């Protein structure tokens, strides 16, 4: 009697040697290395180019010298220093309810309160709805939906990283739209 085998997909990554993925690994002897194992693996922002570390832990990210999860150049751009109290990953200097790490992952300005991850519009029709939001180049998103706020959220669509900033349109052709529908926009790291 043979025992059936069980295959479980734990993680799947579809990467490229071109933008929005980090460039510089293809044909150079370097490798793409994951920044945070717990973050969404198919997000280009979760990878960096480093020296090969076959069967060893990844090297230190040269773009984040203090290891706080925020690139030094990003912290310096917005806060003038990587050691500023406002530059900490858990700080919320614009008081919009998103901390710096969340704002970095979403590609939004951590110093401007009106810059936050949001849906711009939802147009409701008889048989479908159309959701629109401003996408930041190189970031991936997921649109979630639910018929009520009690039953939990379901994935409506994954939105791949765009080459440029711009408005993205996501249709909801669900056959069970019903009288009410709620939508939520998240980045993989904010699920």
N, C-alpha and C. Protein backbone atom coordinates (compact mmCIF):
# COMPACT_ATOMS: atom_id res chain seq x y z
N UNK A 1 0.85 -1.17 0.00
CA UNK A 1 0.00 0.00 0.00
C UNK A 1 0.90 1.24 0.00
N UNK A 2 0.65 2.12 -0.93
CA UNK A 2 1.46 3.34 -0.97
C UNK A 2 0.74 4.46 -0.24
N UNK A 3 1.54 5.30 0.37
CA UNK A 3 1.00 6.44 1.11
C UNK A 3 1.00 7.64 0.17
N UNK A 4 -0.14 8.31 0.02
CA UNK A 4 -0.17 9.48 -0.86
C UNK A 4 0.73 10.59 -0.31
N UNK A 5 1.38 11.25 -1.20
CA UNK A 5 2.24 12.35 -0.76
C UNK A 5 1.42 13.62 -0.66
N UNK A 6 1.82 14.47 0.24
CA UNK A 6 1.15 15.73 0.46
C UNK A 6 2.14 16.85 0.16
N UNK A 7 1.76 17.75 -0.74
CA UNK A 7 2.62 18.88 -1.07
C UNK A 7 1.91 20.14 -0.61
N UNK A 8 2.61 20.94 0.18
CA UNK A 8 2.05 22.19 0.68
C UNK A 8 2.93 23.33 0.20
N UNK A 9 2.32 24.27 -0.51
CA UNK A 9 3.06 25.44 -0.96
C UNK A 9 3.17 26.41 0.21
N UNK A 10 4.40 26.65 0.65
CA UNK A 10 4.64 27.53 1.78
C UNK A 10 4.84 28.96 1.32
N UNK A 11 5.56 29.14 0.24
CA UNK A 11 5.88 30.47 -0.25
C UNK A 11 6.16 30.38 -1.74
N UNK A 12 5.78 31.42 -2.47
CA UNK A 12 6.06 31.46 -3.89
C UNK A 12 6.46 32.88 -4.25
N UNK A 13 7.52 33.01 -5.04
CA UNK A 13 8.04 34.32 -5.42
C UNK A 13 8.16 34.39 -6.93
N UNK A 14 7.61 35.45 -7.52
CA UNK A 14 7.77 35.71 -8.95
C UNK A 14 8.59 36.98 -9.07
N UNK A 15 9.88 36.84 -9.32
CA UNK A 15 10.77 38.00 -9.32
C UNK A 15 11.30 38.28 -10.72
N UNK A 16 11.94 39.44 -10.85
CA UNK A 16 12.48 39.87 -12.13
C UNK A 16 13.81 40.57 -11.90
N UNK A 17 14.63 40.63 -12.93
CA UNK A 17 15.91 41.35 -12.84
C UNK A 17 15.71 42.82 -13.21
N UNK A 18 14.45 43.24 -13.37
CA UNK A 18 14.15 44.62 -13.77
C UNK A 18 13.28 45.29 -12.72
N UNK A 19 13.20 46.63 -12.79
CA UNK A 19 12.36 47.41 -11.90
C UNK A 19 10.94 46.83 -11.92
N UNK A 20 10.24 46.73 -10.80
CA UNK A 20 10.52 47.33 -9.50
C UNK A 20 11.39 46.48 -8.59
N UNK A 21 11.86 45.33 -9.07
CA UNK A 21 12.76 44.51 -8.25
C UNK A 21 14.13 45.17 -8.20
N UNK A 22 14.89 44.94 -7.10
CA UNK A 22 16.24 45.51 -7.03
C UNK A 22 17.09 45.02 -8.19
N UNK A 23 17.76 45.94 -8.85
CA UNK A 23 18.62 45.57 -9.96
C UNK A 23 20.06 45.49 -9.46
N UNK A 24 20.90 44.85 -10.21
CA UNK A 24 22.30 44.76 -9.83
C UNK A 24 22.74 43.37 -9.43
N UNK A 25 21.81 42.42 -9.38
CA UNK A 25 22.19 41.05 -9.03
C UNK A 25 22.43 40.21 -10.27
N UNK A 26 21.70 40.46 -11.32
CA UNK A 26 21.77 39.64 -12.53
C UNK A 26 23.13 39.77 -13.21
N UNK A 27 23.84 38.65 -13.31
CA UNK A 27 25.11 38.60 -14.02
C UNK A 27 26.28 39.25 -13.30
N UNK A 28 26.10 39.61 -12.02
CA UNK A 28 27.18 40.29 -11.28
C UNK A 28 27.83 39.41 -10.23
N UNK A 29 27.25 38.26 -9.96
CA UNK A 29 27.76 37.41 -8.88
C UNK A 29 27.07 37.72 -7.55
N UNK A 30 26.29 38.78 -7.49
CA UNK A 30 25.53 39.11 -6.28
C UNK A 30 24.23 38.34 -6.29
N UNK A 31 23.50 38.41 -5.18
CA UNK A 31 22.22 37.71 -5.09
C UNK A 31 21.15 38.63 -4.54
N UNK A 32 19.89 38.27 -4.80
CA UNK A 32 18.78 38.96 -4.15
C UNK A 32 18.60 38.31 -2.79
N UNK A 33 18.48 39.15 -1.75
CA UNK A 33 18.31 38.62 -0.41
C UNK A 33 17.10 39.26 0.23
N UNK A 34 16.38 38.47 0.98
CA UNK A 34 15.15 38.92 1.62
C UNK A 34 15.48 39.75 2.86
N UNK A 35 14.81 40.90 2.97
CA UNK A 35 15.03 41.77 4.13
C UNK A 35 14.44 41.17 5.40
N UNK A 36 13.15 40.85 5.36
CA UNK A 36 12.44 40.35 6.54
C UNK A 36 11.70 39.06 6.19
N UNK A 37 12.05 37.94 6.80
CA UNK A 37 11.39 36.68 6.48
C UNK A 37 9.89 36.70 6.74
N UNK A 38 9.42 37.48 7.71
CA UNK A 38 8.00 37.49 8.05
C UNK A 38 7.18 38.36 7.11
N UNK A 39 7.83 39.23 6.34
CA UNK A 39 7.09 40.11 5.41
C UNK A 39 6.77 39.36 4.13
N UNK A 40 5.81 39.87 3.40
CA UNK A 40 5.34 39.30 2.14
C UNK A 40 6.51 39.09 1.19
N UNK A 41 6.70 37.86 0.74
CA UNK A 41 7.88 37.53 -0.06
C UNK A 41 7.82 38.05 -1.48
N UNK A 42 6.64 38.23 -2.03
CA UNK A 42 6.52 38.63 -3.42
C UNK A 42 6.51 40.15 -3.59
N UNK A 43 6.91 40.89 -2.56
CA UNK A 43 6.98 42.35 -2.60
C UNK A 43 8.42 42.76 -2.91
N UNK A 44 8.67 43.45 -4.03
CA UNK A 44 10.03 43.85 -4.39
C UNK A 44 10.73 44.68 -3.30
N UNK A 45 9.96 45.42 -2.49
CA UNK A 45 10.55 46.23 -1.43
C UNK A 45 11.13 45.39 -0.30
N UNK A 46 10.84 44.08 -0.28
CA UNK A 46 11.35 43.20 0.76
C UNK A 46 12.63 42.48 0.34
N UNK A 47 13.32 43.00 -0.68
CA UNK A 47 14.54 42.36 -1.19
C UNK A 47 15.63 43.40 -1.42
N UNK A 48 16.88 42.98 -1.30
CA UNK A 48 18.02 43.84 -1.61
C UNK A 48 19.11 43.00 -2.27
N UNK A 49 20.06 43.67 -2.91
CA UNK A 49 21.17 42.99 -3.57
C UNK A 49 22.32 42.88 -2.58
N UNK A 50 22.87 41.68 -2.44
CA UNK A 50 23.98 41.46 -1.51
C UNK A 50 24.89 40.36 -2.01
N UNK A 51 25.96 40.14 -1.27
CA UNK A 51 26.89 39.06 -1.61
C UNK A 51 26.21 37.71 -1.39
N UNK A 52 26.50 36.71 -2.22
CA UNK A 52 25.88 35.39 -2.06
C UNK A 52 26.16 34.79 -0.70
N UNK A 53 25.14 34.17 -0.11
CA UNK A 53 25.29 33.54 1.21
C UNK A 53 24.64 32.16 1.18
N UNK A 54 25.01 31.33 0.22
CA UNK A 54 24.40 30.02 0.05
C UNK A 54 24.40 29.24 1.36
N UNK A 55 23.22 28.77 1.77
CA UNK A 55 23.02 27.97 2.98
C UNK A 55 23.42 28.70 4.26
N UNK A 56 23.53 30.01 4.19
CA UNK A 56 23.88 30.82 5.36
C UNK A 56 22.84 31.94 5.50
N UNK A 57 22.76 32.56 6.68
CA UNK A 57 21.85 33.70 6.82
C UNK A 57 22.26 34.84 5.89
N UNK A 58 21.29 35.69 5.53
CA UNK A 58 21.57 36.84 4.67
C UNK A 58 22.60 37.76 5.31
N UNK A 59 23.28 38.52 4.46
CA UNK A 59 24.21 39.51 4.96
C UNK A 59 23.43 40.69 5.52
N UNK A 60 24.10 41.56 6.22
CA UNK A 60 23.46 42.77 6.71
C UNK A 60 23.08 43.64 5.54
N UNK A 61 21.94 44.26 5.62
CA UNK A 61 21.49 45.15 4.55
C UNK A 61 22.35 46.41 4.57
N UNK A 62 23.14 46.66 3.53
CA UNK A 62 24.01 47.83 3.52
C UNK A 62 23.23 49.14 3.42
N UNK A 63 21.95 49.05 3.11
CA UNK A 63 21.13 50.25 3.00
C UNK A 63 20.48 50.65 4.32
N UNK A 64 20.63 49.81 5.35
CA UNK A 64 20.02 50.04 6.67
C UNK A 64 21.07 49.76 7.73
N UNK A 65 21.97 50.71 7.96
CA UNK A 65 23.11 50.47 8.84
C UNK A 65 22.73 50.27 10.29
N UNK A 66 21.61 50.85 10.75
CA UNK A 66 21.22 50.64 12.15
C UNK A 66 20.25 49.47 12.32
N UNK A 67 19.90 48.79 11.21
CA UNK A 67 19.11 47.57 11.28
C UNK A 67 17.69 47.75 11.79
N UNK A 68 17.11 48.94 11.64
CA UNK A 68 15.76 49.18 12.17
C UNK A 68 14.65 48.90 11.17
N UNK A 69 15.00 48.42 9.96
CA UNK A 69 14.00 48.10 8.96
C UNK A 69 13.67 49.23 8.00
N UNK A 70 14.25 50.42 8.25
CA UNK A 70 14.05 51.57 7.36
C UNK A 70 15.36 51.90 6.67
N UNK A 71 15.35 52.07 5.36
CA UNK A 71 16.59 52.43 4.66
C UNK A 71 17.12 53.78 5.17
N UNK A 72 18.42 53.86 5.34
CA UNK A 72 19.05 55.09 5.82
C UNK A 72 18.70 56.28 4.95
N UNK A 73 18.73 56.10 3.63
CA UNK A 73 18.46 57.21 2.72
C UNK A 73 17.04 57.74 2.90
N UNK A 74 16.09 56.87 3.20
CA UNK A 74 14.71 57.28 3.43
C UNK A 74 14.61 58.08 4.72
N UNK A 75 15.27 57.61 5.80
CA UNK A 75 15.25 58.32 7.07
C UNK A 75 15.91 59.70 6.94
N UNK A 76 17.02 59.77 6.22
CA UNK A 76 17.71 61.05 6.04
C UNK A 76 16.87 61.99 5.18
N UNK A 77 16.22 61.46 4.16
CA UNK A 77 15.38 62.29 3.29
C UNK A 77 14.28 63.00 4.09
N UNK A 78 13.62 62.28 4.99
CA UNK A 78 12.48 62.84 5.70
C UNK A 78 12.82 63.45 7.06
N UNK A 79 13.91 62.97 7.70
CA UNK A 79 14.19 63.41 9.07
C UNK A 79 15.59 63.96 9.28
N UNK A 80 16.40 63.96 8.22
CA UNK A 80 17.74 64.55 8.31
C UNK A 80 18.78 63.68 8.98
N UNK A 81 18.38 62.58 9.59
CA UNK A 81 19.30 61.73 10.33
C UNK A 81 18.65 60.38 10.59
N UNK A 82 19.47 59.32 10.70
CA UNK A 82 18.91 58.01 11.04
C UNK A 82 18.72 57.87 12.55
N UNK A 83 19.27 58.82 13.32
CA UNK A 83 19.16 58.74 14.78
C UNK A 83 18.14 59.71 15.36
N UNK A 84 17.44 60.47 14.54
CA UNK A 84 16.40 61.37 15.01
C UNK A 84 15.28 60.56 15.66
N UNK A 85 14.74 61.02 16.80
CA UNK A 85 13.60 60.30 17.41
C UNK A 85 12.41 60.17 16.45
N UNK A 86 12.23 61.15 15.58
CA UNK A 86 11.14 61.08 14.60
C UNK A 86 11.40 60.05 13.52
N UNK A 87 12.63 59.57 13.37
CA UNK A 87 13.00 58.62 12.32
C UNK A 87 12.83 57.16 12.76
N UNK A 88 12.45 56.93 14.01
CA UNK A 88 12.28 55.56 14.50
C UNK A 88 11.15 54.86 13.73
N UNK A 89 11.23 53.55 13.53
CA UNK A 89 10.18 52.82 12.80
C UNK A 89 8.81 52.93 13.48
N UNK A 90 8.77 53.03 14.81
CA UNK A 90 7.49 53.08 15.53
C UNK A 90 6.97 54.50 15.75
N UNK A 91 7.72 55.52 15.30
CA UNK A 91 7.29 56.92 15.47
C UNK A 91 6.21 57.28 14.45
N UNK A 92 5.37 58.22 14.82
CA UNK A 92 4.32 58.73 13.92
C UNK A 92 4.35 60.26 13.97
N UNK A 93 5.39 60.87 13.37
CA UNK A 93 5.56 62.32 13.50
C UNK A 93 4.45 63.15 12.86
N UNK A 94 3.72 62.62 11.89
CA UNK A 94 2.63 63.41 11.29
C UNK A 94 1.28 63.10 11.93
N UNK A 95 1.26 62.20 12.92
CA UNK A 95 0.07 61.88 13.72
C UNK A 95 -1.13 61.45 12.86
N UNK A 96 -0.86 60.63 11.84
CA UNK A 96 -1.95 60.16 10.98
C UNK A 96 -2.39 58.73 11.29
N UNK A 97 -1.80 58.14 12.34
CA UNK A 97 -2.17 56.79 12.73
C UNK A 97 -1.34 55.70 12.11
N UNK A 98 -0.41 56.06 11.20
CA UNK A 98 0.51 55.10 10.61
C UNK A 98 1.90 55.40 11.12
N UNK A 99 2.63 54.37 11.59
CA UNK A 99 4.00 54.63 12.02
C UNK A 99 4.93 54.70 10.80
N UNK A 100 6.18 55.11 11.03
CA UNK A 100 7.12 55.29 9.92
C UNK A 100 7.33 54.01 9.11
N UNK A 101 7.42 52.86 9.77
CA UNK A 101 7.62 51.62 9.03
C UNK A 101 6.43 51.36 8.11
N UNK A 102 5.22 51.56 8.60
CA UNK A 102 4.04 51.36 7.77
C UNK A 102 4.03 52.35 6.61
N UNK A 103 4.41 53.61 6.87
CA UNK A 103 4.41 54.62 5.81
C UNK A 103 5.49 54.31 4.78
N UNK A 104 6.65 53.83 5.22
CA UNK A 104 7.70 53.44 4.28
C UNK A 104 7.22 52.30 3.39
N UNK A 105 6.63 51.26 4.00
CA UNK A 105 6.19 50.10 3.25
C UNK A 105 5.07 50.45 2.27
N UNK A 106 4.24 51.44 2.63
CA UNK A 106 3.16 51.86 1.75
C UNK A 106 3.61 52.88 0.72
N UNK A 107 4.82 53.43 0.88
CA UNK A 107 5.33 54.42 -0.06
C UNK A 107 4.73 55.79 0.11
N UNK A 108 4.37 56.14 1.33
CA UNK A 108 3.74 57.44 1.57
C UNK A 108 4.64 58.32 2.43
N UNK A 109 4.37 59.62 2.44
CA UNK A 109 5.18 60.63 3.12
C UNK A 109 4.91 60.60 4.63
N UNK A 110 5.92 60.29 5.45
CA UNK A 110 5.71 60.18 6.90
C UNK A 110 5.62 61.53 7.61
N UNK A 111 5.81 62.62 6.88
CA UNK A 111 5.78 63.95 7.51
C UNK A 111 4.55 64.75 7.09
N UNK A 112 3.70 64.18 6.29
CA UNK A 112 2.55 64.91 5.75
C UNK A 112 1.27 64.17 6.16
N UNK A 113 0.45 64.75 7.06
CA UNK A 113 -0.72 64.03 7.59
C UNK A 113 -1.74 63.60 6.54
N UNK A 114 -1.81 64.30 5.41
CA UNK A 114 -2.78 63.94 4.38
C UNK A 114 -2.27 62.85 3.44
N UNK A 115 -1.03 62.38 3.66
CA UNK A 115 -0.47 61.32 2.86
C UNK A 115 -0.65 60.01 3.62
N UNK A 116 -1.63 59.23 3.21
CA UNK A 116 -1.86 57.94 3.84
C UNK A 116 -2.51 56.99 2.84
N UNK A 117 -2.46 55.73 3.15
CA UNK A 117 -2.99 54.68 2.28
C UNK A 117 -4.51 54.74 2.33
N UNK A 118 -5.14 54.99 1.17
CA UNK A 118 -6.59 55.14 1.17
C UNK A 118 -7.17 54.82 -0.21
N UNK A 119 -8.44 54.47 -0.21
CA UNK A 119 -9.19 54.34 -1.45
C UNK A 119 -9.65 55.74 -1.84
N UNK A 120 -9.51 56.10 -3.11
CA UNK A 120 -9.95 57.42 -3.57
C UNK A 120 -11.43 57.45 -3.88
N UNK A 121 -11.94 56.35 -4.47
CA UNK A 121 -13.37 56.33 -4.79
C UNK A 121 -13.85 54.90 -4.99
N UNK A 122 -15.14 54.73 -4.78
CA UNK A 122 -15.83 53.48 -5.08
C UNK A 122 -17.11 53.86 -5.82
N UNK A 123 -17.20 53.43 -7.06
CA UNK A 123 -18.40 53.67 -7.85
C UNK A 123 -19.23 52.40 -7.85
N UNK A 124 -20.43 52.49 -7.33
CA UNK A 124 -21.29 51.33 -7.19
C UNK A 124 -22.31 51.31 -8.33
N UNK A 125 -22.32 50.20 -9.06
CA UNK A 125 -23.29 50.00 -10.13
C UNK A 125 -24.29 48.94 -9.76
N UNK A 126 -25.18 48.61 -10.68
CA UNK A 126 -26.20 47.58 -10.45
C UNK A 126 -25.59 46.19 -10.30
N UNK A 127 -24.55 45.88 -11.10
CA UNK A 127 -23.99 44.53 -11.09
C UNK A 127 -22.52 44.48 -10.70
N UNK A 128 -21.89 45.65 -10.54
CA UNK A 128 -20.49 45.64 -10.15
C UNK A 128 -20.12 46.97 -9.48
N UNK A 129 -18.94 47.01 -8.91
CA UNK A 129 -18.39 48.23 -8.33
C UNK A 129 -17.00 48.43 -8.92
N UNK A 130 -16.54 49.68 -8.92
CA UNK A 130 -15.20 49.99 -9.40
C UNK A 130 -14.49 50.76 -8.29
N UNK A 131 -13.34 50.24 -7.87
CA UNK A 131 -12.55 50.83 -6.79
C UNK A 131 -11.34 51.51 -7.41
N UNK A 132 -11.03 52.74 -6.96
CA UNK A 132 -9.86 53.47 -7.47
C UNK A 132 -9.01 53.95 -6.30
N UNK A 133 -7.69 53.89 -6.52
CA UNK A 133 -6.75 54.44 -5.54
C UNK A 133 -5.46 54.83 -6.23
N UNK A 134 -4.69 55.67 -5.57
CA UNK A 134 -3.40 56.13 -6.09
C UNK A 134 -2.33 55.13 -5.66
N UNK A 135 -1.70 54.49 -6.63
CA UNK A 135 -0.64 53.52 -6.36
C UNK A 135 0.71 54.20 -6.47
N UNK A 136 1.63 53.78 -5.62
CA UNK A 136 3.00 54.27 -5.65
C UNK A 136 3.85 53.26 -6.42
N UNK A 137 4.69 53.75 -7.33
CA UNK A 137 5.54 52.88 -8.14
C UNK A 137 6.34 51.94 -7.26
N UNK A 138 6.40 50.67 -7.65
CA UNK A 138 7.21 49.69 -6.95
C UNK A 138 6.54 49.05 -5.74
N UNK A 139 5.33 49.45 -5.39
CA UNK A 139 4.63 48.89 -4.23
C UNK A 139 3.51 47.98 -4.70
N UNK A 140 3.26 46.92 -3.94
CA UNK A 140 2.16 46.01 -4.24
C UNK A 140 1.03 46.26 -3.25
N UNK A 141 -0.19 45.97 -3.67
CA UNK A 141 -1.36 46.23 -2.84
C UNK A 141 -2.32 45.06 -2.92
N UNK A 142 -3.23 45.00 -1.95
CA UNK A 142 -4.33 44.06 -1.97
C UNK A 142 -5.60 44.82 -1.62
N UNK A 143 -6.67 44.58 -2.40
CA UNK A 143 -7.98 45.15 -2.09
C UNK A 143 -8.80 44.03 -1.45
N UNK A 144 -9.32 44.32 -0.27
CA UNK A 144 -10.14 43.37 0.47
C UNK A 144 -11.59 43.85 0.42
N UNK A 145 -12.53 42.92 0.59
CA UNK A 145 -13.94 43.31 0.61
C UNK A 145 -14.70 42.42 1.59
N UNK A 146 -15.86 42.93 2.00
CA UNK A 146 -16.74 42.16 2.87
C UNK A 146 -18.16 42.71 2.73
N UNK A 147 -19.18 41.85 2.84
CA UNK A 147 -20.55 42.34 2.77
C UNK A 147 -21.00 43.00 4.08
N UNK A 148 -20.26 42.72 5.17
CA UNK A 148 -20.56 43.36 6.45
C UNK A 148 -19.29 43.37 7.30
N UNK A 149 -19.27 44.13 8.33
CA UNK A 149 -18.04 44.27 9.12
C UNK A 149 -17.92 43.21 10.21
N UNK A 150 -18.79 42.23 10.20
CA UNK A 150 -18.75 41.17 11.20
C UNK A 150 -18.13 39.89 10.65
N UNK A 151 -18.39 39.58 9.37
CA UNK A 151 -18.00 38.28 8.82
C UNK A 151 -16.55 38.17 8.41
N UNK A 152 -15.78 39.23 8.43
CA UNK A 152 -14.37 39.16 8.05
C UNK A 152 -14.14 39.58 6.62
N UNK A 153 -12.87 39.83 6.29
CA UNK A 153 -12.48 40.35 4.98
C UNK A 153 -12.04 39.23 4.06
N UNK A 154 -12.36 39.38 2.77
CA UNK A 154 -11.91 38.45 1.73
C UNK A 154 -11.09 39.22 0.71
N UNK A 155 -10.11 38.54 0.12
CA UNK A 155 -9.29 39.19 -0.89
C UNK A 155 -10.09 39.34 -2.18
N UNK A 156 -10.20 40.58 -2.64
CA UNK A 156 -10.85 40.85 -3.92
C UNK A 156 -9.82 40.79 -5.04
N UNK A 157 -8.65 41.44 -4.82
CA UNK A 157 -7.64 41.47 -5.88
C UNK A 157 -6.29 41.84 -5.31
N UNK A 158 -5.25 41.24 -5.89
CA UNK A 158 -3.88 41.68 -5.65
C UNK A 158 -3.53 42.63 -6.79
N UNK A 159 -2.85 43.72 -6.45
CA UNK A 159 -2.44 44.70 -7.46
C UNK A 159 -0.92 44.67 -7.52
N UNK A 160 -0.40 44.29 -8.67
CA UNK A 160 1.05 44.19 -8.86
C UNK A 160 1.70 45.58 -8.80
N UNK A 161 2.99 45.60 -8.53
CA UNK A 161 3.74 46.86 -8.50
C UNK A 161 3.66 47.54 -9.86
N UNK A 162 3.41 48.84 -9.82
CA UNK A 162 3.32 49.64 -11.03
C UNK A 162 4.68 50.25 -11.36
N UNK A 163 4.91 50.58 -12.60
CA UNK A 163 6.17 51.19 -13.03
C UNK A 163 6.22 52.67 -12.63
N UNK A 164 5.07 53.34 -12.65
CA UNK A 164 5.00 54.76 -12.27
C UNK A 164 3.86 54.96 -11.28
N UNK A 165 3.89 56.08 -10.55
CA UNK A 165 2.78 56.45 -9.68
C UNK A 165 1.55 56.71 -10.54
N UNK A 166 0.38 56.35 -10.05
CA UNK A 166 -0.83 56.63 -10.81
C UNK A 166 -2.05 55.94 -10.25
N UNK A 167 -3.20 56.28 -10.80
CA UNK A 167 -4.47 55.73 -10.35
C UNK A 167 -4.63 54.31 -10.88
N UNK A 168 -5.04 53.42 -9.98
CA UNK A 168 -5.31 52.02 -10.33
C UNK A 168 -6.80 51.79 -10.16
N UNK A 169 -7.38 51.07 -11.10
CA UNK A 169 -8.80 50.73 -11.06
C UNK A 169 -8.96 49.23 -10.84
N UNK A 170 -9.77 48.86 -9.85
CA UNK A 170 -10.02 47.45 -9.55
C UNK A 170 -11.53 47.22 -9.62
N UNK A 171 -11.98 46.32 -10.51
CA UNK A 171 -13.41 46.03 -10.58
C UNK A 171 -13.81 44.99 -9.54
N UNK A 172 -15.04 45.12 -9.04
CA UNK A 172 -15.62 44.09 -8.18
C UNK A 172 -16.86 43.58 -8.90
N UNK A 173 -16.72 42.42 -9.52
CA UNK A 173 -17.83 41.80 -10.26
C UNK A 173 -18.44 40.66 -9.47
N UNK A 174 -18.29 40.69 -8.15
CA UNK A 174 -18.81 39.62 -7.31
C UNK A 174 -20.30 39.44 -7.53
N UNK A 175 -20.73 38.20 -7.72
CA UNK A 175 -22.15 37.96 -7.97
C UNK A 175 -23.01 38.22 -6.72
N UNK A 176 -22.40 38.30 -5.56
CA UNK A 176 -23.15 38.48 -4.32
C UNK A 176 -22.92 39.85 -3.72
N UNK A 177 -22.98 40.89 -4.55
CA UNK A 177 -22.71 42.23 -4.05
C UNK A 177 -23.67 42.63 -2.93
N UNK A 178 -24.94 42.36 -3.08
CA UNK A 178 -25.90 42.68 -2.03
C UNK A 178 -26.06 44.18 -1.82
N UNK A 179 -26.85 44.58 -0.82
CA UNK A 179 -27.13 45.99 -0.61
C UNK A 179 -25.96 46.78 -0.01
N UNK A 180 -25.06 46.11 0.68
CA UNK A 180 -23.91 46.79 1.28
C UNK A 180 -22.63 46.07 0.90
N UNK A 181 -21.55 46.84 0.79
CA UNK A 181 -20.24 46.27 0.49
C UNK A 181 -19.20 47.21 1.09
N UNK A 182 -18.19 46.65 1.76
CA UNK A 182 -17.12 47.43 2.36
C UNK A 182 -15.81 47.02 1.72
N UNK A 183 -14.91 47.99 1.54
CA UNK A 183 -13.62 47.73 0.91
C UNK A 183 -12.50 48.26 1.79
N UNK A 184 -11.36 47.60 1.66
CA UNK A 184 -10.18 47.98 2.44
C UNK A 184 -8.96 47.81 1.54
N UNK A 185 -8.02 48.77 1.61
CA UNK A 185 -6.80 48.71 0.83
C UNK A 185 -5.64 48.49 1.78
N UNK A 186 -4.80 47.49 1.49
CA UNK A 186 -3.65 47.20 2.33
C UNK A 186 -2.42 46.92 1.47
N UNK A 187 -1.25 47.11 2.05
CA UNK A 187 -0.03 46.62 1.43
C UNK A 187 0.26 45.29 2.10
N UNK A 188 1.05 44.43 1.47
CA UNK A 188 1.31 43.12 2.06
C UNK A 188 1.80 43.18 3.50
N UNK A 189 2.60 44.17 3.83
CA UNK A 189 3.15 44.26 5.18
C UNK A 189 2.13 44.76 6.20
N UNK A 190 1.03 45.32 5.75
CA UNK A 190 0.04 45.89 6.65
C UNK A 190 -1.21 45.01 6.78
N UNK A 191 -1.14 43.77 6.34
CA UNK A 191 -2.32 42.89 6.39
C UNK A 191 -2.63 42.48 7.80
